[in-house]
Amino acid sequence: MSLEYIVREPKTKVENPSLLVLLHGYGSNENDLFSFADELPEELIIVSARAPYEMGYGGYAWYAINFDANNAKFSDITQANTSVTIIADFIDTMQRKYQINEGKTFLLGFSQGAILSYAFSLKYPNKVQHVIALSGYINAELLPEKVSEDIKTDYYISHGTMDQVLPVTWGNKAPQILSAYNVKTDYHEYPIGHGVSPQNFYSFKSWIENRLE
């Protein structure tokens, strides 16, 4: 399955540019995160993907979220794993299409997109070099049985302290989990709900810029 996507070409011509792939959250679409693409570094190719499962009214999901008899939420792990594979193929395709040099790919996910960014980066080690995980968490059900001991990817992680969708106590476990794999993490909290504040945006923008130097 191929994903629909939109692209912002580099504003500054660069040989073998860096690639930034955007994965939106549950019920959103490729236009959501793309709204701040113009504010990001000019030398990047920015690709915003649309999740494969249609929800109607212009919304899409990477996997279904269902409710049991007690009204407790649970994730469709089969769909989530399928999406991780689709994302891996998509990133391969984008790297080939835009002739991205090895070592020059960023992956940014929000909420459900962040959950799958974690899963993808641990299942396909070093396929991307930098992950920006916004308002997500590491779902142990999506991790491989054995995680590579040679992960060089680094992570920018942020979460709102007033997030009522995915509690901050879920998100702030990620640095601890990732530290077991000896990877670098940069963790930030902001006094907001389930979203991205201007301070949060400028923080991860600076993090990206530092890795383009």
C-alpha atoms as a PDB file:
ATOM      1  CA  MET A   1       0.000   0.000   0.000  1.00  0.00           C
ATOM      2  CA  SER A   2       1.391   3.403  -0.964  1.00  0.00           C
ATOM      3  CA  LEU A   3       0.594   6.520   1.056  1.00  0.00           C
ATOM      4  CA  GLU A   4      -0.778   9.803  -0.208  1.00  0.00           C
ATOM      5  CA  TYR A   5       1.546  12.678   0.690  1.00  0.00           C
ATOM      6  CA  ILE A   6       2.392  16.321   0.084  1.00  0.00           C
ATOM      7  CA  VAL A   7       5.880  17.796  -0.298  1.00  0.00           C
ATOM      8  CA  ARG A   8       7.706  21.019   0.395  1.00  0.00           C
ATOM      9  CA  GLU A   9      10.783  21.095  -1.794  1.00  0.00           C
ATOM     10  CA  PRO A  10      13.907  22.761  -0.365  1.00  0.00           C
ATOM     11  CA  LYS A  11      13.785  26.550  -0.646  1.00  0.00           C
ATOM     12  CA  THR A  12      17.564  26.530  -0.871  1.00  0.00           C
ATOM     13  CA  LYS A  13      19.146  24.243  -3.443  1.00  0.00           C
ATOM     14  CA  VAL A  14      21.267  21.634  -1.704  1.00  0.00           C
ATOM     15  CA  GLU A  15      22.976  18.549  -3.089  1.00  0.00           C
ATOM     16  CA  ASN A  16      21.663  15.416  -1.390  1.00  0.00           C
ATOM     17  CA  PRO A  17      19.341  17.284   0.987  1.00  0.00           C
ATOM     18  CA  SER A  18      18.090  16.065   4.351  1.00  0.00           C
ATOM     19  CA  LEU A  19      14.591  14.582   4.502  1.00  0.00           C
ATOM     20  CA  LEU A  20      11.928  15.263   7.136  1.00  0.00           C
ATOM     21  CA  VAL A  21       8.918  12.911   7.156  1.00  0.00           C
ATOM     22  CA  LEU A  22       5.787  14.008   9.064  1.00  0.00           C
ATOM     23  CA  LEU A  23       3.267  11.565  10.586  1.00  0.00           C
ATOM     24  CA  HIS A  24       0.024  13.167  11.770  1.00  0.00           C
ATOM     25  CA  GLY A  25      -2.179  12.116  14.674  1.00  0.00           C
ATOM     26  CA  TYR A  26      -5.402  10.093  14.903  1.00  0.00           C
ATOM     27  CA  GLY A  27      -8.314  11.592  12.964  1.00  0.00           C
ATOM     28  CA  SER A  28      -6.196  14.210  11.233  1.00  0.00           C
ATOM     29  CA  ASN A  29      -4.535  14.285   7.810  1.00  0.00           C
ATOM     30  CA  GLU A  30      -1.381  15.262   5.964  1.00  0.00           C
ATOM     31  CA  ASN A  31      -2.222  18.978   5.997  1.00  0.00           C
ATOM     32  CA  ASP A  32      -2.088  19.260   9.785  1.00  0.00           C
ATOM     33  CA  LEU A  33       1.631  19.117  10.581  1.00  0.00           C
ATOM     34  CA  PHE A  34       2.426  20.459   7.113  1.00  0.00           C
ATOM     35  CA  SER A  35       1.006  23.801   8.286  1.00  0.00           C
ATOM     36  CA  PHE A  36       4.335  24.659   9.917  1.00  0.00           C
ATOM     37  CA  ALA A  37       6.548  23.284   7.121  1.00  0.00           C
ATOM     38  CA  ASP A  38       7.337  26.765   5.787  1.00  0.00           C
ATOM     39  CA  GLU A  39       8.792  27.742   9.168  1.00  0.00           C
ATOM     40  CA  LEU A  40      11.291  24.879   9.170  1.00  0.00           C
ATOM     41  CA  PRO A  41      14.845  24.991   7.719  1.00  0.00           C
ATOM     42  CA  GLU A  42      14.928  25.902   4.042  1.00  0.00           C
ATOM     43  CA  GLU A  43      17.353  23.145   3.029  1.00  0.00           C
ATOM     44  CA  LEU A  44      14.997  20.330   4.087  1.00  0.00           C
ATOM     45  CA  ILE A  45      12.754  18.277   1.844  1.00  0.00           C
ATOM     46  CA  ILE A  46       9.588  17.928   3.935  1.00  0.00           C
ATOM     47  CA  VAL A  47       7.145  15.118   3.169  1.00  0.00           C
ATOM     48  CA  SER A  48       3.854  14.847   5.042  1.00  0.00           C
ATOM     49  CA  ALA A  49       2.155  11.453   4.771  1.00  0.00           C
ATOM     50  CA  ARG A  50      -1.544  10.623   5.033  1.00  0.00           C
ATOM     51  CA  ALA A  51      -2.402   7.650   7.246  1.00  0.00           C
ATOM     52  CA  PRO A  52      -3.944   4.668   5.401  1.00  0.00           C
ATOM     53  CA  TYR A  53      -7.227   4.192   7.290  1.00  0.00           C
ATOM     54  CA  GLU A  54     -10.023   6.581   6.353  1.00  0.00           C
ATOM     55  CA  MET A  55     -12.312   7.800   9.148  1.00  0.00           C
ATOM     56  CA  GLY A  56     -14.530  10.119   7.126  1.00  0.00           C
ATOM     57  CA  TYR A  57     -14.827  13.925   7.150  1.00  0.00           C
ATOM     58  CA  GLY A  58     -11.236  14.251   5.916  1.00  0.00           C
ATOM     59  CA  GLY A  59      -9.768  12.364   8.869  1.00  0.00           C
ATOM     60  CA  TYR A  60      -7.400   9.388   8.764  1.00  0.00           C
ATOM     61  CA  ALA A  61      -5.801   7.042  11.279  1.00  0.00           C
ATOM     62  CA  TRP A  62      -2.681   4.895  11.417  1.00  0.00           C
ATOM     63  CA  TYR A  63      -4.729   2.340  13.354  1.00  0.00           C
ATOM     64  CA  ALA A  64      -8.157   2.059  14.918  1.00  0.00           C
ATOM     65  CA  ILE A  65      -8.832   2.893  18.555  1.00  0.00           C
ATOM     66  CA  ASN A  66     -11.730   0.827  19.905  1.00  0.00           C
ATOM     67  CA  PHE A  67     -13.655   0.602  23.154  1.00  0.00           C
ATOM     68  CA  ASP A  68     -14.461  -2.473  25.204  1.00  0.00           C
ATOM     69  CA  ALA A  69     -17.610  -3.201  27.256  1.00  0.00           C
ATOM     70  CA  ASN A  70     -16.254  -1.059  30.108  1.00  0.00           C
ATOM     71  CA  ASN A  71     -15.637   1.857  27.753  1.00  0.00           C
ATOM     72  CA  ALA A  72     -11.869   1.376  28.027  1.00  0.00           C
ATOM     73  CA  LYS A  73      -9.825   2.284  24.955  1.00  0.00           C
ATOM     74  CA  PHE A  74      -7.592  -0.202  23.208  1.00  0.00           C
ATOM     75  CA  SER A  75      -5.488  -0.028  20.053  1.00  0.00           C
ATOM     76  CA  ASP A  76      -5.766  -2.266  17.003  1.00  0.00           C
ATOM     77  CA  ILE A  77      -2.232  -3.680  17.209  1.00  0.00           C
ATOM     78  CA  THR A  78      -2.533  -5.566  13.912  1.00  0.00           C
ATOM     79  CA  GLN A  79      -3.362  -2.358  12.053  1.00  0.00           C
ATOM     80  CA  ALA A  80      -0.605  -0.506  13.924  1.00  0.00           C
ATOM     81  CA  ASN A  81       2.009  -3.083  12.943  1.00  0.00           C
ATOM     82  CA  THR A  82       0.807  -2.945   9.343  1.00  0.00           C
ATOM     83  CA  SER A  83       1.234   0.830   9.403  1.00  0.00           C
ATOM     84  CA  VAL A  84       4.778   0.509  10.757  1.00  0.00           C
ATOM     85  CA  THR A  85       5.637  -1.675   7.741  1.00  0.00           C
ATOM     86  CA  ILE A  86       3.923   0.777   5.375  1.00  0.00           C
ATOM     87  CA  ILE A  87       5.884   3.664   6.936  1.00  0.00           C
ATOM     88  CA  ALA A  88       9.152   1.744   6.461  1.00  0.00           C
ATOM     89  CA  ASP A  89       8.384   1.212   2.764  1.00  0.00           C
ATOM     90  CA  PHE A  90       7.292   4.834   2.387  1.00  0.00           C
ATOM     91  CA  ILE A  91      10.505   6.187   3.906  1.00  0.00           C
ATOM     92  CA  ASP A  92      12.578   3.893   1.644  1.00  0.00           C
ATOM     93  CA  THR A  93      10.657   5.227  -1.360  1.00  0.00           C
ATOM     94  CA  MET A  94      11.126   8.875  -0.351  1.00  0.00           C
ATOM     95  CA  GLN A  95      14.852   8.365   0.311  1.00  0.00           C
ATOM     96  CA  ARG A  96      15.308   6.875  -3.155  1.00  0.00           C
ATOM     97  CA  LYS A  97      13.066   9.371  -4.931  1.00  0.00           C
ATOM     98  CA  TYR A  98      14.804  12.421  -3.483  1.00  0.00           C
ATOM     99  CA  GLN A  99      18.299  10.871  -3.418  1.00  0.00           C
ATOM    100  CA  ILE A 100      18.709  11.396   0.301  1.00  0.00           C
ATOM    101  CA  ASN A 101      22.202  10.686   1.560  1.00  0.00           C
ATOM    102  CA  GLU A 102      22.502   7.966   4.160  1.00  0.00           C
ATOM    103  CA  GLY A 103      22.383   9.547   7.607  1.00  0.00           C
ATOM    104  CA  LYS A 104      20.147  12.472   6.651  1.00  0.00           C
ATOM    105  CA  THR A 105      16.568  11.514   7.558  1.00  0.00           C
ATOM    106  CA  PHE A 106      14.366  12.985  10.303  1.00  0.00           C
ATOM    107  CA  LEU A 107      11.002  11.520  11.364  1.00  0.00           C
ATOM    108  CA  LEU A 108       8.483  13.701  13.209  1.00  0.00           C
ATOM    109  CA  GLY A 109       5.268  12.259  14.609  1.00  0.00           C
ATOM    110  CA  PHE A 110       2.455  13.744  16.673  1.00  0.00           C
ATOM    111  CA  SER A 111       0.326  11.594  19.021  1.00  0.00           C
ATOM    112  CA  GLN A 112      -0.482   8.379  17.108  1.00  0.00           C
ATOM    113  CA  GLY A 113       2.203   9.399  14.626  1.00  0.00           C
ATOM    114  CA  ALA A 114       4.701   9.682  17.507  1.00  0.00           C
ATOM    115  CA  ILE A 115       3.726   6.244  18.857  1.00  0.00           C
ATOM    116  CA  LEU A 116       4.486   4.741  15.452  1.00  0.00           C
ATOM    117  CA  SER A 117       7.676   6.799  15.098  1.00  0.00           C
ATOM    118  CA  TYR A 118       8.995   5.120  18.240  1.00  0.00           C
ATOM    119  CA  ALA A 119       7.886   1.672  17.044  1.00  0.00           C
ATOM    120  CA  PHE A 120       9.346   2.177  13.565  1.00  0.00           C
ATOM    121  CA  SER A 121      12.715   3.482  14.793  1.00  0.00           C
ATOM    122  CA  LEU A 122      13.184   0.539  17.158  1.00  0.00           C
ATOM    123  CA  LYS A 123      11.965  -2.077  14.683  1.00  0.00           C
ATOM    124  CA  TYR A 124      14.033  -0.689  11.790  1.00  0.00           C
ATOM    125  CA  PRO A 125      17.132   0.607  13.598  1.00  0.00           C
ATOM    126  CA  ASN A 126      19.034   3.473  11.984  1.00  0.00           C
ATOM    127  CA  LYS A 127      16.731   3.734   8.967  1.00  0.00           C
ATOM    128  CA  VAL A 128      16.178   7.271  10.265  1.00  0.00           C
ATOM    129  CA  GLN A 129      18.767   9.176  12.271  1.00  0.00           C
ATOM    130  CA  HIS A 130      16.598  11.620  14.211  1.00  0.00           C
ATOM    131  CA  VAL A 131      13.102  11.232  15.709  1.00  0.00           C
ATOM    132  CA  ILE A 132      10.891  14.051  16.991  1.00  0.00           C
ATOM    133  CA  ALA A 133       8.117  12.475  19.097  1.00  0.00           C
ATOM    134  CA  LEU A 134       5.421  14.966  20.131  1.00  0.00           C
ATOM    135  CA  SER A 135       2.663  14.000  22.605  1.00  0.00           C
ATOM    136  CA  GLY A 136       3.136  10.254  22.165  1.00  0.00           C
ATOM    137  CA  TYR A 137       4.377   7.267  24.127  1.00  0.00           C
ATOM    138  CA  ILE A 138       6.185   3.967  23.599  1.00  0.00           C
ATOM    139  CA  ASN A 139       3.680   1.141  23.168  1.00  0.00           C
ATOM    140  CA  ALA A 140       5.480  -2.038  24.244  1.00  0.00           C
ATOM    141  CA  GLU A 141       3.098  -4.140  22.118  1.00  0.00           C
ATOM    142  CA  LEU A 142       4.601  -2.600  18.978  1.00  0.00           C
ATOM    143  CA  LEU A 143       8.251  -3.209  19.811  1.00  0.00           C
ATOM    144  CA  PRO A 144      10.319  -6.051  18.361  1.00  0.00           C
ATOM    145  CA  GLU A 145      11.078  -9.005  20.625  1.00  0.00           C
ATOM    146  CA  LYS A 146      14.715  -7.970  20.689  1.00  0.00           C
ATOM    147  CA  VAL A 147      15.744  -4.369  20.147  1.00  0.00           C
ATOM    148  CA  SER A 148      19.090  -3.777  18.454  1.00  0.00           C
ATOM    149  CA  GLU A 149      21.996  -2.857  20.694  1.00  0.00           C
ATOM    150  CA  ASP A 150      23.397  -0.598  17.985  1.00  0.00           C
ATOM    151  CA  ILE A 151      20.805   2.180  17.659  1.00  0.00           C
ATOM    152  CA  LYS A 152      22.393   5.496  16.730  1.00  0.00           C
ATOM    153  CA  THR A 153      19.124   7.422  16.341  1.00  0.00           C
ATOM    154  CA  ASP A 154      18.590  10.305  18.752  1.00  0.00           C
ATOM    155  CA  TYR A 155      15.216  11.539  20.010  1.00  0.00           C
ATOM    156  CA  TYR A 156      13.560  14.855  20.748  1.00  0.00           C
ATOM    157  CA  ILE A 157      10.550  14.139  22.988  1.00  0.00           C
ATOM    158  CA  SER A 158       7.924  16.545  24.279  1.00  0.00           C
ATOM    159  CA  HIS A 159       4.600  16.341  26.081  1.00  0.00           C
ATOM    160  CA  GLY A 160       1.978  18.661  27.530  1.00  0.00           C
ATOM    161  CA  THR A 161       1.627  18.461  31.301  1.00  0.00           C
ATOM    162  CA  MET A 162      -2.146  18.976  30.948  1.00  0.00           C
ATOM    163  CA  ASP A 163      -2.646  16.437  28.151  1.00  0.00           C
ATOM    164  CA  GLN A 164      -6.030  14.733  28.695  1.00  0.00           C
ATOM    165  CA  VAL A 165      -5.745  12.492  25.613  1.00  0.00           C
ATOM    166  CA  LEU A 166      -2.399  10.810  26.339  1.00  0.00           C
ATOM    167  CA  PRO A 167      -1.309  11.544  29.911  1.00  0.00           C
ATOM    168  CA  VAL A 168       2.130  13.040  30.476  1.00  0.00           C
ATOM    169  CA  THR A 169       2.903  10.072  32.753  1.00  0.00           C
ATOM    170  CA  TRP A 170       2.772   7.892  29.613  1.00  0.00           C
ATOM    171  CA  GLY A 171       5.000  10.192  27.605  1.00  0.00           C
ATOM    172  CA  ASN A 172       7.668  10.798  30.208  1.00  0.00           C
ATOM    173  CA  LYS A 173       8.480   7.092  30.462  1.00  0.00           C
ATOM    174  CA  ALA A 174       9.996   7.182  26.951  1.00  0.00           C
ATOM    175  CA  PRO A 175      13.422   8.612  27.908  1.00  0.00           C
ATOM    176  CA  GLN A 176      13.772   5.975  30.624  1.00  0.00           C
ATOM    177  CA  ILE A 177      12.836   3.156  28.224  1.00  0.00           C
ATOM    178  CA  LEU A 178      15.166   4.472  25.509  1.00  0.00           C
ATOM    179  CA  SER A 179      18.061   4.907  27.928  1.00  0.00           C
ATOM    180  CA  ALA A 180      18.146   1.101  28.219  1.00  0.00           C
ATOM    181  CA  TYR A 181      19.234   1.080  24.555  1.00  0.00           C
ATOM    182  CA  ASN A 182      21.941   3.720  25.191  1.00  0.00           C
ATOM    183  CA  VAL A 183      20.396   6.288  22.863  1.00  0.00           C
ATOM    184  CA  LYS A 184      20.389  10.049  23.336  1.00  0.00           C
ATOM    185  CA  THR A 185      17.118  11.721  24.275  1.00  0.00           C
ATOM    186  CA  ASP A 186      16.163  15.354  24.789  1.00  0.00           C
ATOM    187  CA  TYR A 187      12.940  15.545  26.822  1.00  0.00           C
ATOM    188  CA  HIS A 188      10.721  18.604  27.329  1.00  0.00           C
ATOM    189  CA  GLU A 189       7.397  19.302  29.040  1.00  0.00           C
ATOM    190  CA  TYR A 190       5.107  22.251  28.370  1.00  0.00           C
ATOM    191  CA  PRO A 191       2.096  23.540  30.349  1.00  0.00           C
ATOM    192  CA  ILE A 192      -0.395  22.718  27.594  1.00  0.00           C
ATOM    193  CA  GLY A 193      -2.878  20.012  26.612  1.00  0.00           C
ATOM    194  CA  HIS A 194      -2.671  17.672  23.629  1.00  0.00           C
ATOM    195  CA  GLY A 195      -0.965  19.934  21.140  1.00  0.00           C
ATOM    196  CA  VAL A 196       2.154  21.870  20.175  1.00  0.00           C
ATOM    197  CA  SER A 197       2.810  25.268  21.746  1.00  0.00           C
ATOM    198  CA  PRO A 198       4.926  27.951  20.028  1.00  0.00           C
ATOM    199  CA  GLN A 199       7.696  27.345  22.586  1.00  0.00           C
ATOM    200  CA  ASN A 200       7.569  23.622  21.787  1.00  0.00           C
ATOM    201  CA  PHE A 201       7.783  24.341  18.048  1.00  0.00           C
ATOM    202  CA  TYR A 202      10.796  26.652  18.347  1.00  0.00           C
ATOM    203  CA  SER A 203      12.488  24.138  20.642  1.00  0.00           C
ATOM    204  CA  PHE A 204      12.304  21.227  18.202  1.00  0.00           C
ATOM    205  CA  LYS A 205      13.043  23.543  15.260  1.00  0.00           C
ATOM    206  CA  SER A 206      16.304  24.497  16.977  1.00  0.00           C
ATOM    207  CA  TRP A 207      16.988  20.800  17.656  1.00  0.00           C
ATOM    208  CA  ILE A 208      16.589  20.048  13.940  1.00  0.00           C
ATOM    209  CA  GLU A 209      18.764  23.017  12.911  1.00  0.00           C
ATOM    210  CA  ASN A 210      21.572  21.831  15.186  1.00  0.00           C
ATOM    211  CA  ARG A 211      21.574  18.484  13.408  1.00  0.00           C
ATOM    212  CA  LEU A 212      21.749  20.033   9.948  1.00  0.00           C
ATOM    213  CA  GLU A 213      25.016  21.832  10.665  1.00  0.00           C
END
